[in-house]
Amino acid sequence: MNQQQIKQLETELWASADNLRANSKLTAAEYKDPVLGLILLRYAQNRYDQAKIAIEARIPDGPRGKRAIKKEDFLAAGAMMLPEASQYEYLACLPEAGDISEALNTAMRLIEEEYTDLAGILPKNYQELDSELLRELVRVFNKDAA
């Protein structure tokens, strides 16, 4: 990420924070958790993508082709194997008519089900934020370098 991209991301984050302050009934202490949850999802997606490439390159060809990638492969690579509905690209590409808050809550629940050490930790209160506001936040973090 070059300096110009960092500056652009910073500008977009400040604009999103201003939007949250202006258009949300939540205080900063209340909306920080959902925002940090989005950052976690983005980071998990980045790690997932990097690990998947490395794992696929390491799996040897067998008589029936390559074996399927397993959760353990991702754990060994320092990443989480994300269910499709928890992948950032999936969430970012939801149709405008889709319920983004429910999709985000479901994404968090699926991760907690798959990784029980995270149970009860991830935010699942996205319904408290305006849908358009959530979509804008998802777009801010949906950058290749984010």
N, C-alpha and C. Protein backbone atom coordinates (compact mmCIF):
# COMPACT_ATOMS: atom_id res chain seq x y z
N MET A 1 0.86 -1.16 0.00
CA MET A 1 0.00 0.00 0.00
C MET A 1 0.91 1.24 0.00
N ASN A 2 0.74 2.08 -1.00
CA ASN A 2 1.59 3.26 -1.07
C ASN A 2 0.98 4.40 -0.24
N GLN A 3 1.72 5.49 -0.12
CA GLN A 3 1.31 6.61 0.72
C GLN A 3 -0.02 7.22 0.25
N GLN A 4 -0.22 7.31 -1.03
CA GLN A 4 -1.46 7.87 -1.56
C GLN A 4 -2.66 6.98 -1.21
N GLN A 5 -2.48 5.67 -1.31
CA GLN A 5 -3.56 4.74 -0.95
C GLN A 5 -3.88 4.81 0.54
N ILE A 6 -2.86 4.94 1.35
CA ILE A 6 -3.07 5.07 2.80
C ILE A 6 -3.84 6.34 3.10
N LYS A 7 -3.47 7.43 2.45
CA LYS A 7 -4.17 8.70 2.66
C LYS A 7 -5.63 8.60 2.21
N GLN A 8 -5.88 7.93 1.09
CA GLN A 8 -7.25 7.75 0.60
C GLN A 8 -8.07 6.92 1.58
N LEU A 9 -7.48 5.83 2.09
CA LEU A 9 -8.17 5.00 3.06
C LEU A 9 -8.47 5.80 4.33
N GLU A 10 -7.52 6.57 4.78
CA GLU A 10 -7.72 7.41 5.96
C GLU A 10 -8.87 8.38 5.75
N THR A 11 -8.92 9.01 4.58
CA THR A 11 -10.00 9.94 4.25
C THR A 11 -11.35 9.24 4.28
N GLU A 12 -11.42 8.05 3.68
CA GLU A 12 -12.67 7.29 3.64
C GLU A 12 -13.09 6.84 5.04
N LEU A 13 -12.12 6.45 5.86
CA LEU A 13 -12.44 6.04 7.23
C LEU A 13 -12.98 7.20 8.06
N TRP A 14 -12.36 8.37 7.91
CA TRP A 14 -12.86 9.56 8.64
C TRP A 14 -14.26 9.92 8.16
N ALA A 15 -14.50 9.82 6.86
CA ALA A 15 -15.84 10.12 6.33
C ALA A 15 -16.86 9.13 6.88
N SER A 16 -16.47 7.86 6.97
CA SER A 16 -17.37 6.85 7.53
C SER A 16 -17.63 7.10 9.00
N ALA A 17 -16.60 7.50 9.74
CA ALA A 17 -16.78 7.83 11.16
C ALA A 17 -17.72 9.01 11.31
N ASP A 18 -17.55 10.03 10.47
CA ASP A 18 -18.46 11.18 10.50
C ASP A 18 -19.89 10.74 10.19
N ASN A 19 -20.03 9.86 9.22
CA ASN A 19 -21.35 9.34 8.84
C ASN A 19 -21.97 8.57 10.01
N LEU A 20 -21.17 7.77 10.69
CA LEU A 20 -21.67 7.03 11.85
C LEU A 20 -22.13 7.99 12.96
N ARG A 21 -21.34 9.00 13.22
CA ARG A 21 -21.70 9.97 14.26
C ARG A 21 -22.99 10.72 13.88
N ALA A 22 -23.14 11.05 12.63
CA ALA A 22 -24.28 11.86 12.19
C ALA A 22 -25.55 11.03 11.99
N ASN A 23 -25.41 9.81 11.54
CA ASN A 23 -26.58 9.04 11.11
C ASN A 23 -26.86 7.79 11.94
N SER A 24 -26.20 7.69 13.06
CA SER A 24 -26.43 6.54 13.92
C SER A 24 -26.85 7.05 15.29
N LYS A 25 -27.76 6.34 15.90
CA LYS A 25 -28.18 6.70 17.25
C LYS A 25 -27.22 6.11 18.28
N LEU A 26 -26.22 5.41 17.81
CA LEU A 26 -25.26 4.76 18.69
C LEU A 26 -24.11 5.70 19.03
N THR A 27 -23.54 5.52 20.20
CA THR A 27 -22.35 6.27 20.58
C THR A 27 -21.12 5.57 20.00
N ALA A 28 -19.98 6.23 20.04
CA ALA A 28 -18.75 5.62 19.54
C ALA A 28 -18.45 4.32 20.27
N ALA A 29 -18.73 4.29 21.57
CA ALA A 29 -18.51 3.07 22.35
C ALA A 29 -19.41 1.93 21.87
N GLU A 30 -20.57 2.26 21.33
CA GLU A 30 -21.50 1.23 20.86
C GLU A 30 -21.23 0.79 19.42
N TYR A 31 -20.79 1.69 18.55
CA TYR A 31 -20.58 1.28 17.16
C TYR A 31 -19.16 0.82 16.88
N LYS A 32 -18.28 0.94 17.86
CA LYS A 32 -16.91 0.47 17.64
C LYS A 32 -16.85 -1.04 17.43
N ASP A 33 -17.68 -1.80 18.17
CA ASP A 33 -17.64 -3.25 18.04
C ASP A 33 -18.05 -3.73 16.64
N PRO A 34 -19.17 -3.24 16.10
CA PRO A 34 -19.50 -3.66 14.73
C PRO A 34 -18.44 -3.25 13.71
N VAL A 35 -17.85 -2.08 13.88
CA VAL A 35 -16.81 -1.62 12.95
C VAL A 35 -15.58 -2.50 13.08
N LEU A 36 -15.19 -2.80 14.31
CA LEU A 36 -14.04 -3.69 14.50
C LEU A 36 -14.33 -5.08 13.97
N GLY A 37 -15.59 -5.51 14.04
CA GLY A 37 -15.98 -6.79 13.45
C GLY A 37 -15.77 -6.80 11.94
N LEU A 38 -16.10 -5.69 11.28
CA LEU A 38 -15.87 -5.59 9.83
C LEU A 38 -14.38 -5.64 9.51
N ILE A 39 -13.59 -4.97 10.34
CA ILE A 39 -12.13 -5.00 10.14
C ILE A 39 -11.62 -6.42 10.31
N LEU A 40 -12.14 -7.13 11.31
CA LEU A 40 -11.74 -8.52 11.51
C LEU A 40 -12.10 -9.37 10.29
N LEU A 41 -13.32 -9.20 9.77
CA LEU A 41 -13.73 -9.96 8.58
C LEU A 41 -12.82 -9.68 7.39
N ARG A 42 -12.47 -8.42 7.21
CA ARG A 42 -11.59 -8.05 6.09
C ARG A 42 -10.22 -8.68 6.26
N TYR A 43 -9.69 -8.60 7.48
CA TYR A 43 -8.37 -9.18 7.76
C TYR A 43 -8.42 -10.70 7.56
N ALA A 44 -9.47 -11.34 8.09
CA ALA A 44 -9.62 -12.79 7.94
C ALA A 44 -9.69 -13.17 6.47
N GLN A 45 -10.37 -12.36 5.66
CA GLN A 45 -10.46 -12.63 4.22
C GLN A 45 -9.09 -12.51 3.56
N ASN A 46 -8.34 -11.48 3.93
CA ASN A 46 -7.00 -11.31 3.36
C ASN A 46 -6.11 -12.50 3.70
N ARG A 47 -6.13 -12.94 4.97
CA ARG A 47 -5.34 -14.09 5.40
C ARG A 47 -5.81 -15.37 4.69
N TYR A 48 -7.12 -15.52 4.56
CA TYR A 48 -7.71 -16.68 3.88
C TYR A 48 -7.20 -16.75 2.44
N ASP A 49 -7.26 -15.63 1.74
CA ASP A 49 -6.84 -15.61 0.33
C ASP A 49 -5.35 -15.95 0.20
N GLN A 50 -4.52 -15.37 1.05
CA GLN A 50 -3.08 -15.66 1.00
C GLN A 50 -2.80 -17.12 1.33
N ALA A 51 -3.46 -17.62 2.38
CA ALA A 51 -3.22 -19.00 2.80
C ALA A 51 -3.70 -19.98 1.74
N LYS A 52 -4.84 -19.69 1.12
CA LYS A 52 -5.39 -20.61 0.11
C LYS A 52 -4.41 -20.81 -1.04
N ILE A 53 -3.79 -19.73 -1.48
CA ILE A 53 -2.80 -19.83 -2.57
C ILE A 53 -1.63 -20.70 -2.14
N ALA A 54 -1.11 -20.46 -0.93
CA ALA A 54 0.03 -21.23 -0.44
C ALA A 54 -0.34 -22.70 -0.22
N ILE A 55 -1.51 -22.94 0.31
CA ILE A 55 -1.95 -24.32 0.57
C ILE A 55 -2.12 -25.08 -0.74
N GLU A 56 -2.79 -24.45 -1.70
CA GLU A 56 -3.00 -25.12 -2.99
C GLU A 56 -1.68 -25.47 -3.66
N ALA A 57 -0.67 -24.63 -3.49
CA ALA A 57 0.64 -24.89 -4.10
C ALA A 57 1.36 -26.04 -3.39
N ARG A 58 1.07 -26.25 -2.10
CA ARG A 58 1.75 -27.29 -1.32
C ARG A 58 1.09 -28.66 -1.43
N ILE A 59 -0.17 -28.73 -1.77
CA ILE A 59 -0.85 -30.02 -1.83
C ILE A 59 -0.37 -30.78 -3.07
N PRO A 60 0.21 -31.95 -2.84
CA PRO A 60 0.72 -32.70 -4.00
C PRO A 60 -0.41 -33.32 -4.81
N ASP A 61 -0.10 -33.55 -6.06
CA ASP A 61 -1.05 -34.26 -6.93
C ASP A 61 -1.02 -35.73 -6.56
N GLY A 62 -2.19 -36.31 -6.40
CA GLY A 62 -2.31 -37.73 -6.12
C GLY A 62 -2.88 -38.44 -7.33
N PRO A 63 -3.14 -39.73 -7.21
CA PRO A 63 -3.68 -40.47 -8.35
C PRO A 63 -5.05 -39.95 -8.79
N ARG A 64 -5.79 -39.34 -7.87
CA ARG A 64 -7.12 -38.79 -8.22
C ARG A 64 -7.11 -37.27 -8.21
N GLY A 65 -5.96 -36.69 -8.37
CA GLY A 65 -5.85 -35.23 -8.34
C GLY A 65 -5.50 -34.75 -6.95
N LYS A 66 -5.62 -33.46 -6.75
CA LYS A 66 -5.30 -32.88 -5.45
C LYS A 66 -6.44 -33.13 -4.47
N ARG A 67 -6.08 -33.34 -3.22
CA ARG A 67 -7.10 -33.52 -2.20
C ARG A 67 -7.74 -32.17 -1.87
N ALA A 68 -8.89 -32.22 -1.27
CA ALA A 68 -9.60 -31.00 -0.89
C ALA A 68 -8.85 -30.31 0.26
N ILE A 69 -8.91 -29.01 0.27
CA ILE A 69 -8.30 -28.24 1.35
C ILE A 69 -9.15 -28.41 2.60
N LYS A 70 -8.48 -28.56 3.74
CA LYS A 70 -9.16 -28.78 5.01
C LYS A 70 -8.94 -27.59 5.95
N LYS A 71 -9.79 -27.52 6.94
CA LYS A 71 -9.68 -26.48 7.97
C LYS A 71 -8.28 -26.51 8.61
N GLU A 72 -7.77 -27.71 8.83
CA GLU A 72 -6.45 -27.86 9.46
C GLU A 72 -5.35 -27.22 8.61
N ASP A 73 -5.51 -27.26 7.28
CA ASP A 73 -4.53 -26.63 6.39
C ASP A 73 -4.48 -25.13 6.65
N PHE A 74 -5.65 -24.54 6.80
CA PHE A 74 -5.71 -23.10 7.06
C PHE A 74 -5.13 -22.77 8.43
N LEU A 75 -5.46 -23.58 9.42
CA LEU A 75 -4.93 -23.33 10.76
C LEU A 75 -3.41 -23.41 10.76
N ALA A 76 -2.86 -24.38 10.04
CA ALA A 76 -1.41 -24.52 9.95
C ALA A 76 -0.78 -23.31 9.25
N ALA A 77 -1.55 -22.66 8.38
CA ALA A 77 -1.06 -21.48 7.66
C ALA A 77 -1.36 -20.19 8.41
N GLY A 78 -1.93 -20.30 9.61
CA GLY A 78 -2.21 -19.10 10.40
C GLY A 78 -3.42 -18.32 9.91
N ALA A 79 -4.39 -19.05 9.37
CA ALA A 79 -5.58 -18.39 8.83
C ALA A 79 -6.81 -19.20 9.24
N MET A 80 -7.98 -18.59 9.05
CA MET A 80 -9.24 -19.29 9.28
C MET A 80 -9.82 -19.71 7.94
N MET A 81 -10.40 -20.91 7.92
CA MET A 81 -11.14 -21.35 6.73
C MET A 81 -12.53 -20.74 6.87
N LEU A 82 -12.82 -19.77 6.05
CA LEU A 82 -14.07 -19.03 6.17
C LEU A 82 -15.20 -19.69 5.39
N PRO A 83 -16.34 -19.90 6.05
CA PRO A 83 -17.51 -20.35 5.29
C PRO A 83 -17.85 -19.30 4.23
N GLU A 84 -18.42 -19.72 3.14
CA GLU A 84 -18.70 -18.78 2.04
C GLU A 84 -19.48 -17.55 2.51
N ALA A 85 -20.48 -17.75 3.35
CA ALA A 85 -21.31 -16.62 3.81
C ALA A 85 -20.57 -15.71 4.79
N SER A 86 -19.35 -16.08 5.19
CA SER A 86 -18.54 -15.24 6.05
C SER A 86 -17.40 -14.56 5.29
N GLN A 87 -17.31 -14.84 4.01
CA GLN A 87 -16.24 -14.24 3.22
C GLN A 87 -16.61 -12.81 2.85
N TYR A 88 -15.63 -11.94 2.93
CA TYR A 88 -15.88 -10.51 2.72
C TYR A 88 -16.44 -10.23 1.33
N GLU A 89 -15.89 -10.91 0.32
CA GLU A 89 -16.38 -10.70 -1.04
C GLU A 89 -17.86 -11.06 -1.16
N TYR A 90 -18.26 -12.13 -0.49
CA TYR A 90 -19.67 -12.53 -0.50
C TYR A 90 -20.53 -11.42 0.08
N LEU A 91 -20.11 -10.88 1.20
CA LEU A 91 -20.87 -9.83 1.87
C LEU A 91 -20.88 -8.54 1.05
N ALA A 92 -19.75 -8.22 0.46
CA ALA A 92 -19.65 -6.99 -0.33
C ALA A 92 -20.49 -7.07 -1.61
N CYS A 93 -20.74 -8.27 -2.09
CA CYS A 93 -21.49 -8.44 -3.33
C CYS A 93 -22.97 -8.76 -3.12
N LEU A 94 -23.44 -8.65 -1.89
CA LEU A 94 -24.86 -8.90 -1.66
C LEU A 94 -25.69 -7.91 -2.45
N PRO A 95 -26.82 -8.34 -2.98
CA PRO A 95 -27.69 -7.40 -3.70
C PRO A 95 -28.18 -6.30 -2.76
N GLU A 96 -28.42 -5.14 -3.32
CA GLU A 96 -28.89 -4.01 -2.52
C GLU A 96 -30.16 -4.34 -1.75
N ALA A 97 -30.98 -5.22 -2.28
CA ALA A 97 -32.22 -5.58 -1.62
C ALA A 97 -31.99 -6.55 -0.46
N GLY A 98 -30.79 -7.14 -0.39
CA GLY A 98 -30.49 -8.09 0.67
C GLY A 98 -30.35 -7.40 2.02
N ASP A 99 -30.59 -8.14 3.08
CA ASP A 99 -30.48 -7.63 4.44
C ASP A 99 -29.02 -7.74 4.89
N ILE A 100 -28.27 -6.67 4.74
CA ILE A 100 -26.85 -6.66 5.05
C ILE A 100 -26.59 -6.91 6.53
N SER A 101 -27.44 -6.37 7.39
CA SER A 101 -27.22 -6.56 8.83
C SER A 101 -27.39 -8.03 9.21
N GLU A 102 -28.41 -8.68 8.67
CA GLU A 102 -28.61 -10.10 8.97
C GLU A 102 -27.48 -10.94 8.37
N ALA A 103 -27.00 -10.57 7.19
CA ALA A 103 -25.90 -11.30 6.56
C ALA A 103 -24.63 -11.18 7.41
N LEU A 104 -24.37 -10.00 7.95
CA LEU A 104 -23.19 -9.82 8.81
C LEU A 104 -23.34 -10.59 10.12
N ASN A 105 -24.52 -10.54 10.71
CA ASN A 105 -24.75 -11.31 11.94
C ASN A 105 -24.56 -12.80 11.68
N THR A 106 -25.06 -13.28 10.54
CA THR A 106 -24.91 -14.69 10.17
C THR A 106 -23.45 -15.03 9.94
N ALA A 107 -22.71 -14.15 9.28
CA ALA A 107 -21.28 -14.37 9.05
C ALA A 107 -20.54 -14.56 10.36
N MET A 108 -20.85 -13.73 11.33
CA MET A 108 -20.20 -13.83 12.64
C MET A 108 -20.60 -15.13 13.35
N ARG A 109 -21.88 -15.48 13.27
CA ARG A 109 -22.35 -16.73 13.91
C ARG A 109 -21.66 -17.95 13.29
N LEU A 110 -21.52 -17.95 11.97
CA LEU A 110 -20.89 -19.09 11.29
C LEU A 110 -19.43 -19.24 11.70
N ILE A 111 -18.73 -18.12 11.85
CA ILE A 111 -17.34 -18.18 12.30
C ILE A 111 -17.27 -18.71 13.73
N GLU A 112 -18.17 -18.24 14.59
CA GLU A 112 -18.18 -18.73 15.97
C GLU A 112 -18.50 -20.21 16.04
N GLU A 113 -19.37 -20.70 15.17
CA GLU A 113 -19.69 -22.13 15.13
C GLU A 113 -18.48 -22.95 14.69
N GLU A 114 -17.74 -22.42 13.75
CA GLU A 114 -16.58 -23.13 13.21
C GLU A 114 -15.37 -23.05 14.16
N TYR A 115 -15.24 -21.94 14.86
CA TYR A 115 -14.12 -21.70 15.77
C TYR A 115 -14.70 -21.38 17.15
N THR A 116 -14.93 -22.43 17.92
CA THR A 116 -15.66 -22.29 19.18
C THR A 116 -14.93 -21.41 20.20
N ASP A 117 -13.63 -21.22 20.06
CA ASP A 117 -12.92 -20.33 20.97
C ASP A 117 -13.35 -18.87 20.78
N LEU A 118 -14.01 -18.57 19.68
CA LEU A 118 -14.52 -17.21 19.43
C LEU A 118 -15.99 -17.06 19.83
N ALA A 119 -16.62 -18.14 20.29
CA ALA A 119 -18.04 -18.11 20.63
C ALA A 119 -18.35 -17.01 21.64
N GLY A 120 -19.33 -16.20 21.31
CA GLY A 120 -19.77 -15.12 22.18
C GLY A 120 -18.91 -13.87 22.15
N ILE A 121 -17.88 -13.88 21.33
CA ILE A 121 -16.95 -12.74 21.28
C ILE A 121 -17.24 -11.80 20.11
N LEU A 122 -17.59 -12.37 18.97
CA LEU A 122 -17.78 -11.55 17.77
C LEU A 122 -19.08 -10.76 17.85
N PRO A 123 -19.08 -9.55 17.28
CA PRO A 123 -20.30 -8.73 17.34
C PRO A 123 -21.40 -9.32 16.45
N LYS A 124 -22.61 -9.25 16.96
CA LYS A 124 -23.77 -9.72 16.20
C LYS A 124 -24.92 -8.75 16.42
N ASN A 125 -24.60 -7.47 16.39
CA ASN A 125 -25.61 -6.42 16.61
C ASN A 125 -25.67 -5.46 15.44
N TYR A 126 -25.47 -5.99 14.25
CA TYR A 126 -25.45 -5.14 13.06
C TYR A 126 -26.81 -4.54 12.73
N GLN A 127 -27.88 -5.14 13.24
CA GLN A 127 -29.22 -4.60 13.01
C GLN A 127 -29.38 -3.22 13.66
N GLU A 128 -28.50 -2.85 14.55
CA GLU A 128 -28.58 -1.54 15.21
C GLU A 128 -28.06 -0.41 14.32
N LEU A 129 -27.40 -0.78 13.23
CA LEU A 129 -26.88 0.22 12.29
C LEU A 129 -27.75 0.27 11.05
N ASP A 130 -27.88 1.43 10.47
CA ASP A 130 -28.63 1.64 9.25
C ASP A 130 -28.02 0.81 8.11
N SER A 131 -28.86 0.18 7.31
CA SER A 131 -28.39 -0.69 6.23
C SER A 131 -27.49 0.05 5.24
N GLU A 132 -27.88 1.25 4.86
CA GLU A 132 -27.06 2.02 3.90
C GLU A 132 -25.71 2.37 4.51
N LEU A 133 -25.71 2.69 5.77
CA LEU A 133 -24.47 2.99 6.49
C LEU A 133 -23.57 1.75 6.53
N LEU A 134 -24.16 0.60 6.78
CA LEU A 134 -23.39 -0.65 6.79
C LEU A 134 -22.80 -0.95 5.42
N ARG A 135 -23.61 -0.78 4.39
CA ARG A 135 -23.10 -1.02 3.03
C ARG A 135 -21.92 -0.11 2.71
N GLU A 136 -22.00 1.13 3.13
CA GLU A 136 -20.90 2.07 2.90
C GLU A 136 -19.65 1.62 3.64
N LEU A 137 -19.80 1.16 4.88
CA LEU A 137 -18.65 0.67 5.64
C LEU A 137 -18.03 -0.55 4.98
N VAL A 138 -18.87 -1.46 4.52
CA VAL A 138 -18.37 -2.65 3.84
C VAL A 138 -17.59 -2.23 2.59
N ARG A 139 -18.09 -1.24 1.86
CA ARG A 139 -17.39 -0.77 0.65
C ARG A 139 -16.04 -0.15 0.98
N VAL A 140 -15.96 0.59 2.09
CA VAL A 140 -14.70 1.23 2.49
C VAL A 140 -13.62 0.17 2.68
N PHE A 141 -13.97 -0.92 3.33
CA PHE A 141 -13.00 -1.96 3.60
C PHE A 141 -12.85 -2.96 2.46
N ASN A 142 -13.63 -2.83 1.41
CA ASN A 142 -13.56 -3.75 0.29
C ASN A 142 -12.60 -3.25 -0.78
N LYS A 143 -11.39 -3.09 -0.37
CA LYS A 143 -10.34 -2.65 -1.29
C LYS A 143 -9.25 -3.73 -1.24
N ASP A 144 -8.57 -3.95 -2.34
CA ASP A 144 -7.53 -4.97 -2.39
C ASP A 144 -6.45 -4.76 -1.34
N ALA A 145 -6.11 -3.52 -1.10
CA ALA A 145 -5.04 -3.23 -0.17
C ALA A 145 -5.51 -3.05 1.26
N ALA A 146 -6.82 -3.10 1.48
CA ALA A 146 -7.35 -2.88 2.84
C ALA A 146 -6.98 -4.01 3.76
